[in-house]
Amino acid sequence: MIAVCRLDELPPGEAVRLLADVPVAVFNVEGEFYAIDDTCTHQDASLSEGYLEGCLVECPLHAASFDLRTGRPTCLPAKKPVRTHQVTVLDGMIYLRTSAEQEVA
Protein backbone atom coordinates (compact mmCIF):
# COMPACT_ATOMS: atom_id res chain seq x y z
CA MET A 1 0.00 0.00 0.00
CA ILE A 2 1.07 3.55 -0.71
CA ALA A 3 0.58 6.29 1.89
CA VAL A 4 -1.34 9.17 0.29
CA CYS A 5 -1.72 11.73 3.08
CA ARG A 6 -3.33 12.34 6.47
CA LEU A 7 -7.12 12.58 6.57
CA ASP A 8 -7.04 16.27 7.48
CA GLU A 9 -4.85 17.02 4.45
CA LEU A 10 -7.59 16.01 1.97
CA PRO A 11 -10.78 17.92 2.79
CA PRO A 12 -14.19 17.04 1.27
CA GLY A 13 -14.52 18.13 -2.35
CA GLU A 14 -10.78 18.04 -2.96
CA ALA A 15 -8.38 15.70 -4.78
CA VAL A 16 -4.71 14.87 -4.62
CA ARG A 17 -2.50 13.56 -7.42
CA LEU A 18 -0.12 10.75 -6.57
CA LEU A 19 2.63 9.25 -8.69
CA ALA A 20 2.41 5.46 -8.54
CA ASP A 21 2.87 2.96 -11.42
CA VAL A 22 0.74 5.52 -13.27
CA PRO A 23 -0.51 8.86 -11.89
CA VAL A 24 -3.51 8.30 -9.61
CA ALA A 25 -6.06 10.81 -8.33
CA VAL A 26 -7.55 10.34 -4.86
CA PHE A 27 -10.81 12.19 -4.15
CA ASN A 28 -12.68 12.96 -0.92
CA VAL A 29 -16.42 12.89 -1.59
CA GLU A 30 -18.07 13.87 1.70
CA GLY A 31 -15.79 11.58 3.70
CA GLU A 32 -15.77 8.71 1.19
CA PHE A 33 -12.49 8.24 -0.65
CA TYR A 34 -12.14 7.14 -4.27
CA ALA A 35 -9.09 6.63 -6.47
CA ILE A 36 -8.86 6.46 -10.25
CA ASP A 37 -6.13 6.76 -12.85
CA ASP A 38 -5.44 10.49 -13.05
CA THR A 39 -5.29 10.73 -16.84
CA CYS A 40 -8.44 11.23 -18.90
CA THR A 41 -8.88 8.47 -21.48
CA HIS A 42 -9.95 10.98 -24.13
CA GLN A 43 -6.79 13.11 -23.99
CA ASP A 44 -3.91 13.64 -21.59
CA ALA A 45 -5.47 15.81 -18.88
CA SER A 46 -5.20 15.45 -15.11
CA LEU A 47 -8.54 14.45 -13.61
CA SER A 48 -7.38 15.59 -10.16
CA GLU A 49 -7.58 19.11 -11.60
CA GLY A 50 -11.15 18.51 -12.81
CA TYR A 51 -14.48 19.60 -11.40
CA LEU A 52 -15.92 17.33 -8.72
CA GLU A 53 -19.68 17.04 -8.29
CA GLY A 54 -20.83 14.20 -6.07
CA CYS A 55 -19.18 11.01 -7.34
CA LEU A 56 -18.50 12.46 -10.78
CA VAL A 57 -15.34 14.22 -11.92
CA GLU A 58 -15.34 16.31 -15.07
CA CYS A 59 -12.14 16.52 -17.08
CA PRO A 60 -10.87 20.11 -17.19
CA LEU A 61 -9.90 19.84 -20.87
CA HIS A 62 -12.98 18.72 -22.82
CA ALA A 63 -15.62 18.12 -20.10
CA ALA A 64 -15.67 14.32 -20.29
CA SER A 65 -17.08 13.02 -17.02
CA PHE A 66 -16.21 9.86 -15.05
CA ASP A 67 -17.96 8.05 -12.20
CA LEU A 68 -15.42 7.72 -9.37
CA ARG A 69 -17.10 4.53 -8.12
CA THR A 70 -16.73 2.60 -11.39
CA GLY A 71 -14.31 4.59 -13.54
CA ARG A 72 -16.84 4.58 -16.38
CA PRO A 73 -17.32 7.68 -18.51
CA THR A 74 -20.75 9.24 -18.17
CA CYS A 75 -20.61 11.41 -21.28
CA LEU A 76 -18.64 12.06 -24.44
CA PRO A 77 -15.99 12.71 -25.60
CA ALA A 78 -14.52 9.95 -23.37
CA LYS A 79 -15.52 6.42 -24.33
CA LYS A 80 -13.05 4.29 -22.34
CA PRO A 81 -13.17 3.94 -18.55
CA VAL A 82 -10.31 4.81 -16.21
CA ARG A 83 -9.07 2.17 -13.76
CA THR A 84 -10.26 2.40 -10.18
CA HIS A 85 -8.09 1.65 -7.16
CA GLN A 86 -8.74 0.62 -3.58
CA VAL A 87 -8.50 3.27 -0.87
CA THR A 88 -8.13 2.42 2.82
CA VAL A 89 -8.17 4.71 5.84
CA LEU A 90 -6.16 3.47 8.82
CA ASP A 91 -5.13 5.38 11.94
CA GLY A 92 -5.88 8.78 10.39
CA MET A 93 -3.94 8.05 7.18
CA ILE A 94 -5.24 7.48 3.65
CA TYR A 95 -3.61 4.59 1.78
CA LEU A 96 -3.86 3.52 -1.83
CA ARG A 97 -3.61 0.04 -3.25
CA THR A 98 -3.22 0.29 -7.01
CA SER A 99 -4.87 -2.10 -9.42
CA ALA A 100 -1.42 -3.45 -10.28
CA GLU A 101 -0.83 -4.33 -6.60
CA GLN A 102 -4.24 -6.03 -6.41
CA GLU A 103 -3.41 -8.23 -9.43
CA VAL A 104 -0.21 -9.46 -7.73
CA ALA A 105 -1.89 -10.24 -4.40
PDB file of N, CA and C in Angstrom:
ATOM      1  N   MET A   1       0.845  -1.189   0.000  1.00  0.00           N
ATOM      2  CA  MET A   1       0.000   0.000   0.000  1.00  0.00           C
ATOM      3  C   MET A   1       0.883   1.243   0.000  1.00  0.00           C
ATOM      4  N   ILE A   2       0.361   2.278  -0.592  1.00  0.00           N
ATOM      5  CA  ILE A   2       1.074   3.548  -0.706  1.00  0.00           C
ATOM      6  C   ILE A   2       0.383   4.567   0.195  1.00  0.00           C
ATOM      7  N   ALA A   3       1.137   5.223   1.059  1.00  0.00           N
ATOM      8  CA  ALA A   3       0.579   6.288   1.894  1.00  0.00           C
ATOM      9  C   ALA A   3       0.291   7.498   1.009  1.00  0.00           C
ATOM     10  N   VAL A   4      -0.935   8.021   1.096  1.00  0.00           N
ATOM     11  CA  VAL A   4      -1.338   9.167   0.288  1.00  0.00           C
ATOM     12  C   VAL A   4      -1.130  10.453   1.081  1.00  0.00           C
ATOM     13  N   CYS A   5      -1.824  10.564   2.224  1.00  0.00           N
ATOM     14  CA  CYS A   5      -1.724  11.734   3.081  1.00  0.00           C
ATOM     15  C   CYS A   5      -2.554  11.485   4.340  1.00  0.00           C
ATOM     16  N   ARG A   6      -2.480  12.422   5.281  1.00  0.00           N
ATOM     17  CA  ARG A   6      -3.330  12.336   6.474  1.00  0.00           C
ATOM     18  C   ARG A   6      -4.745  12.760   6.089  1.00  0.00           C
ATOM     19  N   LEU A   7      -5.717  12.266   6.837  1.00  0.00           N
ATOM     20  CA  LEU A   7      -7.122  12.581   6.572  1.00  0.00           C
ATOM     21  C   LEU A   7      -7.367  14.084   6.495  1.00  0.00           C
ATOM     22  N   ASP A   8      -6.786  14.830   7.434  1.00  0.00           N
ATOM     23  CA  ASP A   8      -7.039  16.270   7.480  1.00  0.00           C
ATOM     24  C   ASP A   8      -6.351  17.036   6.356  1.00  0.00           C
ATOM     25  N   GLU A   9      -5.519  16.376   5.575  1.00  0.00           N
ATOM     26  CA  GLU A   9      -4.852  17.017   4.447  1.00  0.00           C
ATOM     27  C   GLU A   9      -5.631  16.904   3.139  1.00  0.00           C
ATOM     28  N   LEU A  10      -6.745  16.155   3.162  1.00  0.00           N
ATOM     29  CA  LEU A  10      -7.586  16.008   1.972  1.00  0.00           C
ATOM     30  C   LEU A  10      -9.040  16.284   2.359  1.00  0.00           C
ATOM     31  N   PRO A  11      -9.430  17.570   2.378  1.00  0.00           N
ATOM     32  CA  PRO A  11     -10.781  17.925   2.790  1.00  0.00           C
ATOM     33  C   PRO A  11     -11.841  17.494   1.768  1.00  0.00           C
ATOM     34  N   PRO A  12     -13.098  17.393   2.185  1.00  0.00           N
ATOM     35  CA  PRO A  12     -14.189  17.038   1.266  1.00  0.00           C
ATOM     36  C   PRO A  12     -14.210  17.971   0.052  1.00  0.00           C
ATOM     37  N   GLY A  13     -14.456  17.372  -1.109  1.00  0.00           N
ATOM     38  CA  GLY A  13     -14.522  18.133  -2.346  1.00  0.00           C
ATOM     39  C   GLY A  13     -13.180  18.378  -3.005  1.00  0.00           C
ATOM     40  N   GLU A  14     -12.123  17.822  -2.433  1.00  0.00           N
ATOM     41  CA  GLU A  14     -10.777  18.042  -2.964  1.00  0.00           C
ATOM     42  C   GLU A  14     -10.185  16.730  -3.484  1.00  0.00           C
ATOM     43  N   ALA A  15      -9.094  16.862  -4.228  1.00  0.00           N
ATOM     44  CA  ALA A  15      -8.384  15.703  -4.777  1.00  0.00           C
ATOM     45  C   ALA A  15      -6.892  15.923  -4.626  1.00  0.00           C
ATOM     46  N   VAL A  16      -6.169  14.818  -4.638  1.00  0.00           N
ATOM     47  CA  VAL A  16      -4.708  14.866  -4.616  1.00  0.00           C
ATOM     48  C   VAL A  16      -4.191  13.938  -5.700  1.00  0.00           C
ATOM     49  N   ARG A  17      -3.127  14.365  -6.369  1.00  0.00           N
ATOM     50  CA  ARG A  17      -2.501  13.557  -7.419  1.00  0.00           C
ATOM     51  C   ARG A  17      -1.304  12.845  -6.820  1.00  0.00           C
ATOM     52  N   LEU A  18      -1.180  11.573  -7.125  1.00  0.00           N
ATOM     53  CA  LEU A  18      -0.123  10.749  -6.570  1.00  0.00           C
ATOM     54  C   LEU A  18       0.575  10.010  -7.707  1.00  0.00           C
ATOM     55  N   LEU A  19       1.891  10.004  -7.678  1.00  0.00           N
ATOM     56  CA  LEU A  19       2.628   9.254  -8.690  1.00  0.00           C
ATOM     57  C   LEU A  19       2.845   7.838  -8.178  1.00  0.00           C
ATOM     58  N   ALA A  20       2.242   6.882  -8.852  1.00  0.00           N
ATOM     59  CA  ALA A  20       2.406   5.458  -8.538  1.00  0.00           C
ATOM     60  C   ALA A  20       2.923   4.806  -9.824  1.00  0.00           C
ATOM     61  N   ASP A  21       2.510   3.577 -10.128  1.00  0.00           N
ATOM     62  CA  ASP A  21       2.874   2.964 -11.415  1.00  0.00           C
ATOM     63  C   ASP A  21       2.437   3.878 -12.561  1.00  0.00           C
ATOM     64  N   VAL A  22       1.261   4.453 -12.407  1.00  0.00           N
ATOM     65  CA  VAL A  22       0.740   5.516 -13.275  1.00  0.00           C
ATOM     66  C   VAL A  22       0.210   6.590 -12.333  1.00  0.00           C
ATOM     67  N   PRO A  23       0.064   7.840 -12.776  1.00  0.00           N
ATOM     68  CA  PRO A  23      -0.513   8.858 -11.893  1.00  0.00           C
ATOM     69  C   PRO A  23      -1.927   8.457 -11.461  1.00  0.00           C
ATOM     70  N   VAL A  24      -2.213   8.649 -10.177  1.00  0.00           N
ATOM     71  CA  VAL A  24      -3.510   8.298  -9.605  1.00  0.00           C
ATOM     72  C   VAL A  24      -4.073   9.531  -8.896  1.00  0.00           C
ATOM     73  N   ALA A  25      -5.365   9.736  -9.029  1.00  0.00           N
ATOM     74  CA  ALA A  25      -6.056  10.814  -8.330  1.00  0.00           C
ATOM     75  C   ALA A  25      -6.891  10.206  -7.210  1.00  0.00           C
ATOM     76  N   VAL A  26      -6.760  10.774  -6.012  1.00  0.00           N
ATOM     77  CA  VAL A  26      -7.551  10.340  -4.863  1.00  0.00           C
ATOM     78  C   VAL A  26      -8.484  11.490  -4.502  1.00  0.00           C
ATOM     79  N   PHE A  27      -9.777  11.194  -4.393  1.00  0.00           N
ATOM     80  CA  PHE A  27     -10.812  12.194  -4.153  1.00  0.00           C
ATOM     81  C   PHE A  27     -11.495  11.948  -2.815  1.00  0.00           C
ATOM     82  N   ASN A  28     -11.866  13.033  -2.131  1.00  0.00           N
ATOM     83  CA  ASN A  28     -12.683  12.964  -0.923  1.00  0.00           C
ATOM     84  C   ASN A  28     -14.071  13.461  -1.291  1.00  0.00           C
ATOM     85  N   VAL A  29     -15.036  12.550  -1.294  1.00  0.00           N
ATOM     86  CA  VAL A  29     -16.423  12.894  -1.588  1.00  0.00           C
ATOM     87  C   VAL A  29     -17.211  12.735  -0.296  1.00  0.00           C
ATOM     88  N   GLU A  30     -17.329  13.855   0.432  1.00  0.00           N
ATOM     89  CA  GLU A  30     -18.071  13.875   1.699  1.00  0.00           C
ATOM     90  C   GLU A  30     -17.642  12.764   2.646  1.00  0.00           C
ATOM     91  N   GLY A  31     -16.321  12.567   2.774  1.00  0.00           N
ATOM     92  CA  GLY A  31     -15.790  11.575   3.699  1.00  0.00           C
ATOM     93  C   GLY A  31     -15.600  10.188   3.118  1.00  0.00           C
ATOM     94  N   GLU A  32     -16.023   9.963   1.892  1.00  0.00           N
ATOM     95  CA  GLU A  32     -15.768   8.709   1.189  1.00  0.00           C
ATOM     96  C   GLU A  32     -14.610   8.970   0.232  1.00  0.00           C
ATOM     97  N   PHE A  33     -13.679   8.040   0.157  1.00  0.00           N
ATOM     98  CA  PHE A  33     -12.489   8.239  -0.655  1.00  0.00           C
ATOM     99  C   PHE A  33     -12.496   7.297  -1.855  1.00  0.00           C
ATOM    100  N   TYR A  34     -12.171   7.879  -3.009  1.00  0.00           N
ATOM    101  CA  TYR A  34     -12.142   7.137  -4.270  1.00  0.00           C
ATOM    102  C   TYR A  34     -10.824   7.431  -4.968  1.00  0.00           C
ATOM    103  N   ALA A  35     -10.315   6.445  -5.709  1.00  0.00           N
ATOM    104  CA  ALA A  35      -9.093   6.628  -6.474  1.00  0.00           C
ATOM    105  C   ALA A  35      -9.272   6.077  -7.876  1.00  0.00           C
ATOM    106  N   ILE A  36      -8.814   6.856  -8.841  1.00  0.00           N
ATOM    107  CA  ILE A  36      -8.860   6.459 -10.249  1.00  0.00           C
ATOM    108  C   ILE A  36      -7.540   6.859 -10.905  1.00  0.00           C
ATOM    109  N   ASP A  37      -7.256   6.268 -12.065  1.00  0.00           N
ATOM    110  CA  ASP A  37      -6.126   6.756 -12.845  1.00  0.00           C
ATOM    111  C   ASP A  37      -6.355   8.243 -13.104  1.00  0.00           C
ATOM    112  N   ASP A  38      -5.293   9.035 -12.987  1.00  0.00           N
ATOM    113  CA  ASP A  38      -5.438  10.485 -13.048  1.00  0.00           C
ATOM    114  C   ASP A  38      -5.541  11.028 -14.469  1.00  0.00           C
ATOM    115  N   THR A  39      -5.315  10.231 -15.477  1.00  0.00           N
ATOM    116  CA  THR A  39      -5.291  10.732 -16.843  1.00  0.00           C
ATOM    117  C   THR A  39      -6.583  10.394 -17.573  1.00  0.00           C
ATOM    118  N   CYS A  40      -7.214  11.407 -18.121  1.00  0.00           N
ATOM    119  CA  CYS A  40      -8.440  11.230 -18.905  1.00  0.00           C
ATOM    120  C   CYS A  40      -8.152  10.309 -20.083  1.00  0.00           C
ATOM    121  N   THR A  41      -9.070   9.412 -20.376  1.00  0.00           N
ATOM    122  CA  THR A  41      -8.877   8.470 -21.476  1.00  0.00           C
ATOM    123  C   THR A  41      -9.151   9.099 -22.834  1.00  0.00           C
ATOM    124  N   HIS A  42      -9.714  10.285 -22.861  1.00  0.00           N
ATOM    125  CA  HIS A  42      -9.948  10.980 -24.135  1.00  0.00           C
ATOM    126  C   HIS A  42      -8.693  11.698 -24.600  1.00  0.00           C
ATOM    127  N   GLN A  43      -8.049  12.429 -23.701  1.00  0.00           N
ATOM    128  CA  GLN A  43      -6.791  13.110 -23.985  1.00  0.00           C
ATOM    129  C   GLN A  43      -6.036  13.262 -22.687  1.00  0.00           C
ATOM    130  N   ASP A  44      -4.754  13.542 -22.785  1.00  0.00           N
ATOM    131  CA  ASP A  44      -3.912  13.639 -21.589  1.00  0.00           C
ATOM    132  C   ASP A  44      -4.243  14.885 -20.776  1.00  0.00           C
ATOM    133  N   ALA A  45      -5.126  14.730 -19.810  1.00  0.00           N
ATOM    134  CA  ALA A  45      -5.465  15.806 -18.881  1.00  0.00           C
ATOM    135  C   ALA A  45      -5.576  15.194 -17.495  1.00  0.00           C
ATOM    136  N   SER A  46      -5.166  15.931 -16.494  1.00  0.00           N
ATOM    137  CA  SER A  46      -5.203  15.451 -15.113  1.00  0.00           C
ATOM    138  C   SER A  46      -6.615  15.571 -14.545  1.00  0.00           C
ATOM    139  N   LEU A  47      -7.192  14.435 -14.179  1.00  0.00           N
ATOM    140  CA  LEU A  47      -8.544  14.446 -13.605  1.00  0.00           C
ATOM    141  C   LEU A  47      -8.556  15.031 -12.200  1.00  0.00           C
ATOM    142  N   SER A  48      -7.425  14.996 -11.497  1.00  0.00           N
ATOM    143  CA  SER A  48      -7.375  15.592 -10.160  1.00  0.00           C
ATOM    144  C   SER A  48      -7.558  17.104 -10.229  1.00  0.00           C
ATOM    145  N   GLU A  49      -7.369  17.684 -11.405  1.00  0.00           N
ATOM    146  CA  GLU A  49      -7.584  19.114 -11.603  1.00  0.00           C
ATOM    147  C   GLU A  49      -8.975  19.404 -12.155  1.00  0.00           C
ATOM    148  N   GLY A  50      -9.807  18.359 -12.251  1.00  0.00           N
ATOM    149  CA  GLY A  50     -11.148  18.505 -12.809  1.00  0.00           C
ATOM    150  C   GLY A  50     -12.141  19.037 -11.800  1.00  0.00           C
ATOM    151  N   TYR A  51     -13.387  19.057 -12.205  1.00  0.00           N
ATOM    152  CA  TYR A  51     -14.476  19.600 -11.401  1.00  0.00           C
ATOM    153  C   TYR A  51     -15.240  18.442 -10.769  1.00  0.00           C
ATOM    154  N   LEU A  52     -15.303  18.431  -9.456  1.00  0.00           N
ATOM    155  CA  LEU A  52     -15.924  17.334  -8.716  1.00  0.00           C
ATOM    156  C   LEU A  52     -17.345  17.712  -8.337  1.00  0.00           C
ATOM    157  N   GLU A  53     -18.281  16.845  -8.690  1.00  0.00           N
ATOM    158  CA  GLU A  53     -19.679  17.035  -8.289  1.00  0.00           C
ATOM    159  C   GLU A  53     -20.232  15.675  -7.883  1.00  0.00           C
ATOM    160  N   GLY A  54     -20.422  15.500  -6.577  1.00  0.00           N
ATOM    161  CA  GLY A  54     -20.830  14.197  -6.071  1.00  0.00           C
ATOM    162  C   GLY A  54     -19.744  13.191  -6.402  1.00  0.00           C
ATOM    163  N   CYS A  55     -20.139  12.055  -6.971  1.00  0.00           N
ATOM    164  CA  CYS A  55     -19.177  11.009  -7.337  1.00  0.00           C
ATOM    165  C   CYS A  55     -18.738  11.103  -8.789  1.00  0.00           C
ATOM    166  N   LEU A  56     -18.923  12.263  -9.396  1.00  0.00           N
ATOM    167  CA  LEU A  56     -18.501  12.465 -10.781  1.00  0.00           C
ATOM    168  C   LEU A  56     -17.388  13.499 -10.840  1.00  0.00           C
ATOM    169  N   VAL A  57     -16.391  13.233 -11.672  1.00  0.00           N
ATOM    170  CA  VAL A  57     -15.340  14.216 -11.920  1.00  0.00           C
ATOM    171  C   VAL A  57     -15.377  14.546 -13.409  1.00  0.00           C
ATOM    172  N   GLU A  58     -15.324  15.836 -13.690  1.00  0.00           N
ATOM    173  CA  GLU A  58     -15.336  16.312 -15.066  1.00  0.00           C
ATOM    174  C   GLU A  58     -13.921  16.713 -15.466  1.00  0.00           C
ATOM    175  N   CYS A  59     -13.466  16.198 -16.571  1.00  0.00           N
ATOM    176  CA  CYS A  59     -12.143  16.517 -17.085  1.00  0.00           C
ATOM    177  C   CYS A  59     -12.069  18.015 -17.388  1.00  0.00           C
ATOM    178  N   PRO A  60     -10.976  18.669 -16.963  1.00  0.00           N
ATOM    179  CA  PRO A  60     -10.873  20.113 -17.191  1.00  0.00           C
ATOM    180  C   PRO A  60     -10.608  20.488 -18.649  1.00  0.00           C
ATOM    181  N   LEU A  61     -10.263  19.519 -19.486  1.00  0.00           N
ATOM    182  CA  LEU A  61      -9.895  19.836 -20.869  1.00  0.00           C
ATOM    183  C   LEU A  61     -11.093  19.872 -21.812  1.00  0.00           C
ATOM    184  N   HIS A  62     -11.861  18.780 -21.881  1.00  0.00           N
ATOM    185  CA  HIS A  62     -12.975  18.720 -22.821  1.00  0.00           C
ATOM    186  C   HIS A  62     -14.290  18.298 -22.177  1.00  0.00           C
ATOM    187  N   ALA A  63     -14.383  18.349 -20.843  1.00  0.00           N
ATOM    188  CA  ALA A  63     -15.624  18.121 -20.100  1.00  0.00           C
ATOM    189  C   ALA A  63     -16.132  16.683 -20.132  1.00  0.00           C
ATOM    190  N   ALA A  64     -15.269  15.714 -20.458  1.00  0.00           N
ATOM    191  CA  ALA A  64     -15.674  14.316 -20.290  1.00  0.00           C
ATOM    192  C   ALA A  64     -15.861  14.094 -18.793  1.00  0.00           C
ATOM    193  N   SER A  65     -16.783  13.249 -18.421  1.00  0.00           N
ATOM    194  CA  SER A  65     -17.079  13.016 -17.019  1.00  0.00           C
ATOM    195  C   SER A  65     -16.947  11.532 -16.696  1.00  0.00           C
ATOM    196  N   PHE A  66     -16.423  11.234 -15.485  1.00  0.00           N
ATOM    197  CA  PHE A  66     -16.213   9.861 -15.054  1.00  0.00           C
ATOM    198  C   PHE A  66     -16.837   9.641 -13.685  1.00  0.00           C
ATOM    199  N   ASP A  67     -17.410   8.450 -13.501  1.00  0.00           N
ATOM    200  CA  ASP A  67     -17.956   8.049 -12.204  1.00  0.00           C
ATOM    201  C   ASP A  67     -16.801   7.514 -11.365  1.00  0.00           C
ATOM    202  N   LEU A  68     -16.537   8.135 -10.222  1.00  0.00           N
ATOM    203  CA  LEU A  68     -15.423   7.720  -9.368  1.00  0.00           C
ATOM    204  C   LEU A  68     -15.603   6.315  -8.818  1.00  0.00           C
ATOM    205  N   ARG A  69     -16.831   5.852  -8.693  1.00  0.00           N
ATOM    206  CA  ARG A  69     -17.095   4.526  -8.121  1.00  0.00           C
ATOM    207  C   ARG A  69     -16.749   3.407  -9.093  1.00  0.00           C
ATOM    208  N   THR A  70     -16.921   3.656 -10.387  1.00  0.00           N
ATOM    209  CA  THR A  70     -16.732   2.602 -11.388  1.00  0.00           C
ATOM    210  C   THR A  70     -15.628   2.902 -12.393  1.00  0.00           C
ATOM    211  N   GLY A  71     -15.275   4.167 -12.534  1.00  0.00           N
ATOM    212  CA  GLY A  71     -14.315   4.588 -13.544  1.00  0.00           C
ATOM    213  C   GLY A  71     -14.920   4.782 -14.915  1.00  0.00           C
ATOM    214  N   ARG A  72     -16.193   4.497 -15.067  1.00  0.00           N
ATOM    215  CA  ARG A  72     -16.844   4.581 -16.378  1.00  0.00           C
ATOM    216  C   ARG A  72     -17.129   6.026 -16.759  1.00  0.00           C
ATOM    217  N   PRO A  73     -16.954   6.336 -18.054  1.00  0.00           N
ATOM    218  CA  PRO A  73     -17.320   7.675 -18.514  1.00  0.00           C
ATOM    219  C   PRO A  73     -18.840   7.818 -18.515  1.00  0.00           C
ATOM    220  N   THR A  74     -19.302   9.008 -18.205  1.00  0.00           N
ATOM    221  CA  THR A  74     -20.750   9.237 -18.168  1.00  0.00           C
ATOM    222  C   THR A  74     -21.219  10.105 -19.329  1.00  0.00           C
ATOM    223  N   CYS A  75     -20.249  10.634 -20.099  1.00  0.00           N
ATOM    224  CA  CYS A  75     -20.607  11.414 -21.284  1.00  0.00           C
ATOM    225  C   CYS A  75     -19.407  11.490 -22.220  1.00  0.00           C
ATOM    226  N   LEU A  76     -19.690  11.870 -23.450  1.00  0.00           N
ATOM    227  CA  LEU A  76     -18.636  12.064 -24.440  1.00  0.00           C
ATOM    228  C   LEU A  76     -17.859  13.332 -24.095  1.00  0.00           C
ATOM    229  N   PRO A  77     -16.629  13.468 -24.541  1.00  0.00           N
ATOM    230  CA  PRO A  77     -15.993  12.705 -25.601  1.00  0.00           C
ATOM    231  C   PRO A  77     -15.296  11.430 -25.134  1.00  0.00           C
ATOM    232  N   ALA A  78     -15.181  11.182 -23.842  1.00  0.00           N
ATOM    233  CA  ALA A  78     -14.523   9.951 -23.370  1.00  0.00           C
ATOM    234  C   ALA A  78     -15.421   8.749 -23.631  1.00  0.00           C
ATOM    235  N   LYS A  79     -14.796   7.663 -24.085  1.00  0.00           N
ATOM    236  CA  LYS A  79     -15.520   6.425 -24.334  1.00  0.00           C
ATOM    237  C   LYS A  79     -14.979   5.275 -23.496  1.00  0.00           C
ATOM    238  N   LYS A  80     -13.696   5.354 -23.106  1.00  0.00           N
ATOM    239  CA  LYS A  80     -13.053   4.287 -22.343  1.00  0.00           C
ATOM    240  C   LYS A  80     -13.037   4.653 -20.859  1.00  0.00           C
ATOM    241  N   PRO A  81     -13.238   3.664 -19.990  1.00  0.00           N
ATOM    242  CA  PRO A  81     -13.174   3.942 -18.548  1.00  0.00           C
ATOM    243  C   PRO A  81     -11.737   4.136 -18.071  1.00  0.00           C
ATOM    244  N   VAL A  82     -11.598   4.750 -16.906  1.00  0.00           N
ATOM    245  CA  VAL A  82     -10.312   4.807 -16.210  1.00  0.00           C
ATOM    246  C   VAL A  82     -10.325   3.704 -15.159  1.00  0.00           C
ATOM    247  N   ARG A  83      -9.139   3.207 -14.800  1.00  0.00           N
ATOM    248  CA  ARG A  83      -9.074   2.175 -13.761  1.00  0.00           C
ATOM    249  C   ARG A  83      -9.381   2.791 -12.403  1.00  0.00           C
ATOM    250  N   THR A  84     -10.025   2.006 -11.569  1.00  0.00           N
ATOM    251  CA  THR A  84     -10.262   2.403 -10.183  1.00  0.00           C
ATOM    252  C   THR A  84      -9.271   1.670  -9.296  1.00  0.00           C
ATOM    253  N   HIS A  85      -9.038   2.230  -8.099  1.00  0.00           N
ATOM    254  CA  HIS A  85      -8.086   1.654  -7.163  1.00  0.00           C
ATOM    255  C   HIS A  85      -8.699   1.658  -5.766  1.00  0.00           C
ATOM    256  N   GLN A  86      -8.237   0.768  -4.941  1.00  0.00           N
ATOM    257  CA  GLN A  86      -8.744   0.618  -3.584  1.00  0.00           C
ATOM    258  C   GLN A  86      -8.115   1.664  -2.666  1.00  0.00           C
ATOM    259  N   VAL A  87      -8.952   2.304  -1.857  1.00  0.00           N
ATOM    260  CA  VAL A  87      -8.503   3.273  -0.869  1.00  0.00           C
ATOM    261  C   VAL A  87      -8.866   2.749   0.511  1.00  0.00           C
ATOM    262  N   THR A  88      -7.921   2.857   1.440  1.00  0.00           N
ATOM    263  CA  THR A  88      -8.126   2.419   2.819  1.00  0.00           C
ATOM    264  C   THR A  88      -7.730   3.558   3.743  1.00  0.00           C
ATOM    265  N   VAL A  89      -8.516   3.737   4.805  1.00  0.00           N
ATOM    266  CA  VAL A  89      -8.172   4.709   5.839  1.00  0.00           C
ATOM    267  C   VAL A  89      -7.830   3.921   7.094  1.00  0.00           C
ATOM    268  N   LEU A  90      -6.646   4.200   7.655  1.00  0.00           N
ATOM    269  CA  LEU A  90      -6.164   3.471   8.818  1.00  0.00           C
ATOM    270  C   LEU A  90      -5.387   4.425   9.713  1.00  0.00           C
ATOM    271  N   ASP A  91      -5.809   4.536  10.959  1.00  0.00           N
ATOM    272  CA  ASP A  91      -5.126   5.381  11.938  1.00  0.00           C
ATOM    273  C   ASP A  91      -4.913   6.812  11.444  1.00  0.00           C
ATOM    274  N   GLY A  92      -5.947   7.390  10.824  1.00  0.00           N
ATOM    275  CA  GLY A  92      -5.879   8.777  10.389  1.00  0.00           C
ATOM    276  C   GLY A  92      -5.090   9.016   9.115  1.00  0.00           C
ATOM    277  N   MET A  93      -4.682   7.930   8.435  1.00  0.00           N
ATOM    278  CA  MET A  93      -3.943   8.050   7.175  1.00  0.00           C
ATOM    279  C   MET A  93      -4.753   7.432   6.035  1.00  0.00           C
ATOM    280  N   ILE A  94      -4.605   8.013   4.853  1.00  0.00           N
ATOM    281  CA  ILE A  94      -5.237   7.483   3.650  1.00  0.00           C
ATOM    282  C   ILE A  94      -4.179   6.690   2.895  1.00  0.00           C
ATOM    283  N   TYR A  95      -4.531   5.461   2.517  1.00  0.00           N
ATOM    284  CA  TYR A  95      -3.614   4.586   1.782  1.00  0.00           C
ATOM    285  C   TYR A  95      -4.259   4.169   0.469  1.00  0.00           C
ATOM    286  N   LEU A  96      -3.423   3.930  -0.511  1.00  0.00           N
ATOM    287  CA  LEU A  96      -3.862   3.521  -1.833  1.00  0.00           C
ATOM    288  C   LEU A  96      -3.261   2.167  -2.156  1.00  0.00           C
ATOM    289  N   ARG A  97      -4.086   1.311  -2.704  1.00  0.00           N
ATOM    290  CA  ARG A  97      -3.608   0.041  -3.252  1.00  0.00           C
ATOM    291  C   ARG A  97      -3.968   0.067  -4.720  1.00  0.00           C
ATOM    292  N   THR A  98      -2.954   0.167  -5.569  1.00  0.00           N
ATOM    293  CA  THR A  98      -3.225   0.291  -7.007  1.00  0.00           C
ATOM    294  C   THR A  98      -3.750  -1.013  -7.583  1.00  0.00           C
ATOM    295  N   SER A  99      -4.371  -0.912  -8.731  1.00  0.00           N
ATOM    296  CA  SER A  99      -4.874  -2.103  -9.415  1.00  0.00           C
ATOM    297  C   SER A  99      -3.745  -3.084  -9.696  1.00  0.00           C
ATOM    298  N   ALA A 100      -2.553  -2.581 -10.020  1.00  0.00           N
ATOM    299  CA  ALA A 100      -1.416  -3.452 -10.279  1.00  0.00           C
ATOM    300  C   ALA A 100      -1.049  -4.255  -9.029  1.00  0.00           C
ATOM    301  N   GLU A 101      -1.111  -3.625  -7.857  1.00  0.00           N
ATOM    302  CA  GLU A 101      -0.831  -4.333  -6.602  1.00  0.00           C
ATOM    303  C   GLU A 101      -1.891  -5.385  -6.342  1.00  0.00           C
ATOM    304  N   GLN A 102      -3.139  -5.095  -6.649  1.00  0.00           N
ATOM    305  CA  GLN A 102      -4.236  -6.027  -6.413  1.00  0.00           C
ATOM    306  C   GLN A 102      -4.088  -7.262  -7.287  1.00  0.00           C
ATOM    307  N   GLU A 103      -3.580  -7.096  -8.521  1.00  0.00           N
ATOM    308  CA  GLU A 103      -3.413  -8.226  -9.431  1.00  0.00           C
ATOM    309  C   GLU A 103      -2.329  -9.182  -8.928  1.00  0.00           C
ATOM    310  N   VAL A 104      -1.312  -8.645  -8.240  1.00  0.00           N
ATOM    311  CA  VAL A 104      -0.209  -9.460  -7.728  1.00  0.00           C
ATOM    312  C   VAL A 104      -0.639 -10.239  -6.501  1.00  0.00           C
ATOM    313  N   ALA A 105      -1.483  -9.610  -5.672  1.00  0.00           N
ATOM    314  CA  ALA A 105      -1.887 -10.238  -4.396  1.00  0.00           C
ATOM    315  C   ALA A 105      -2.721 -11.480  -4.589  1.00  0.00           C
TER     316      ALA A 105
END
